[in-house]
């Protein structure tokens, strides 16, 4: 695990809605606890990868370092 003294380390997870009809991608910066959420059209690896790129691409490079994800299939992209 990255120390929380350095800004730019992210934890990413997905939240599944009732009856698996909706999905939200949550991205949390570990030090500041700044959070971004993104509604996914589907819980697939390609959809999740595109959402991560979309959410993080406009942030300065210094605030995007290693990303920690769980072992869910949606993160295999």
Protein backbone atom coordinates (compact mmCIF):
# COMPACT_ATOMS: atom_id res chain seq x y z
CA UNK A 1 0.00 0.00 0.00
CA UNK A 2 1.14 3.50 -0.80
CA UNK A 3 1.69 5.85 2.12
CA UNK A 4 -1.02 8.43 2.58
CA UNK A 5 1.51 11.25 2.76
CA UNK A 6 1.79 11.49 -1.03
CA UNK A 7 -1.07 12.82 -3.15
CA UNK A 8 -1.95 10.91 -6.31
CA UNK A 9 -2.59 7.33 -5.19
CA UNK A 10 -6.14 6.23 -6.05
CA UNK A 11 -8.44 3.44 -4.90
CA UNK A 12 -11.12 2.41 -7.36
CA UNK A 13 -14.19 0.25 -6.82
CA UNK A 14 -17.57 -0.35 -8.36
CA UNK A 15 -20.93 -0.13 -6.62
CA UNK A 16 -23.74 -2.25 -7.99
CA UNK A 17 -27.35 -1.10 -7.64
CA UNK A 18 -30.44 -3.04 -6.75
CA UNK A 19 -31.11 -6.02 -9.02
CA UNK A 20 -27.79 -5.30 -10.79
CA UNK A 21 -29.53 -2.72 -12.99
CA UNK A 22 -27.06 0.12 -12.39
CA UNK A 23 -23.35 0.52 -11.71
CA UNK A 24 -21.26 3.37 -10.36
CA UNK A 25 -17.48 3.57 -10.52
CA UNK A 26 -15.96 5.28 -7.46
CA UNK A 27 -12.46 6.74 -7.53
CA UNK A 28 -11.00 7.97 -4.23
CA UNK A 29 -7.66 9.72 -3.81
CA UNK A 30 -6.10 8.15 -0.71
CA UNK A 31 -4.52 11.20 0.92
CA UNK A 32 -7.10 13.91 0.38
CA UNK A 33 -10.14 11.58 0.18
CA UNK A 34 -11.18 13.51 -2.94
CA UNK A 35 -13.74 11.35 -4.70
CA UNK A 36 -15.03 11.14 -8.25
CA UNK A 37 -17.99 8.99 -9.26
CA UNK A 38 -19.01 7.88 -12.71
CA UNK A 39 -22.17 6.06 -13.77
CA UNK A 40 -21.35 3.03 -15.92
CA UNK A 41 -23.59 1.81 -18.72
CA UNK A 42 -22.43 -1.77 -18.04
CA UNK A 43 -20.15 -3.58 -15.61
CA UNK A 44 -17.63 -4.72 -18.19
CA UNK A 45 -13.85 -4.41 -18.34
CA UNK A 46 -13.96 -2.22 -21.46
CA UNK A 47 -16.65 0.10 -20.06
CA UNK A 48 -14.77 0.41 -16.75
CA UNK A 49 -11.45 1.09 -18.48
CA UNK A 50 -13.00 3.83 -20.62
CA UNK A 51 -14.62 5.40 -17.55
CA UNK A 52 -11.33 5.44 -15.62
CA UNK A 53 -9.59 7.11 -18.56
CA UNK A 54 -12.42 9.63 -18.92
CA UNK A 55 -12.40 10.56 -15.23
CA UNK A 56 -8.63 10.80 -14.75
CA UNK A 57 -7.42 12.15 -18.11
CA UNK A 58 -7.99 15.82 -17.24
CA UNK A 59 -6.17 15.68 -13.91
CA UNK A 60 -2.56 16.87 -13.70
CA UNK A 61 -0.08 14.01 -14.11
CA UNK A 62 1.32 14.60 -10.63
CA UNK A 63 -1.99 13.54 -9.07
CA UNK A 64 -2.35 10.26 -10.96
CA UNK A 65 0.02 7.63 -9.62
CA UNK A 66 -0.61 3.94 -8.85
CA UNK A 67 -4.24 2.86 -8.81
CA UNK A 68 -5.44 0.17 -6.40
CA UNK A 69 -8.37 -1.97 -7.56
CA UNK A 70 -9.96 -5.16 -6.28
CA UNK A 71 -10.02 -8.44 -8.19
CA UNK A 72 -13.37 -7.85 -9.89
CA UNK A 73 -13.68 -8.83 -13.54
CA UNK A 74 -14.58 -5.25 -14.44
CA UNK A 75 -10.97 -4.24 -13.66
CA UNK A 76 -9.28 -6.75 -15.97
CA UNK A 77 -8.90 -4.17 -18.73
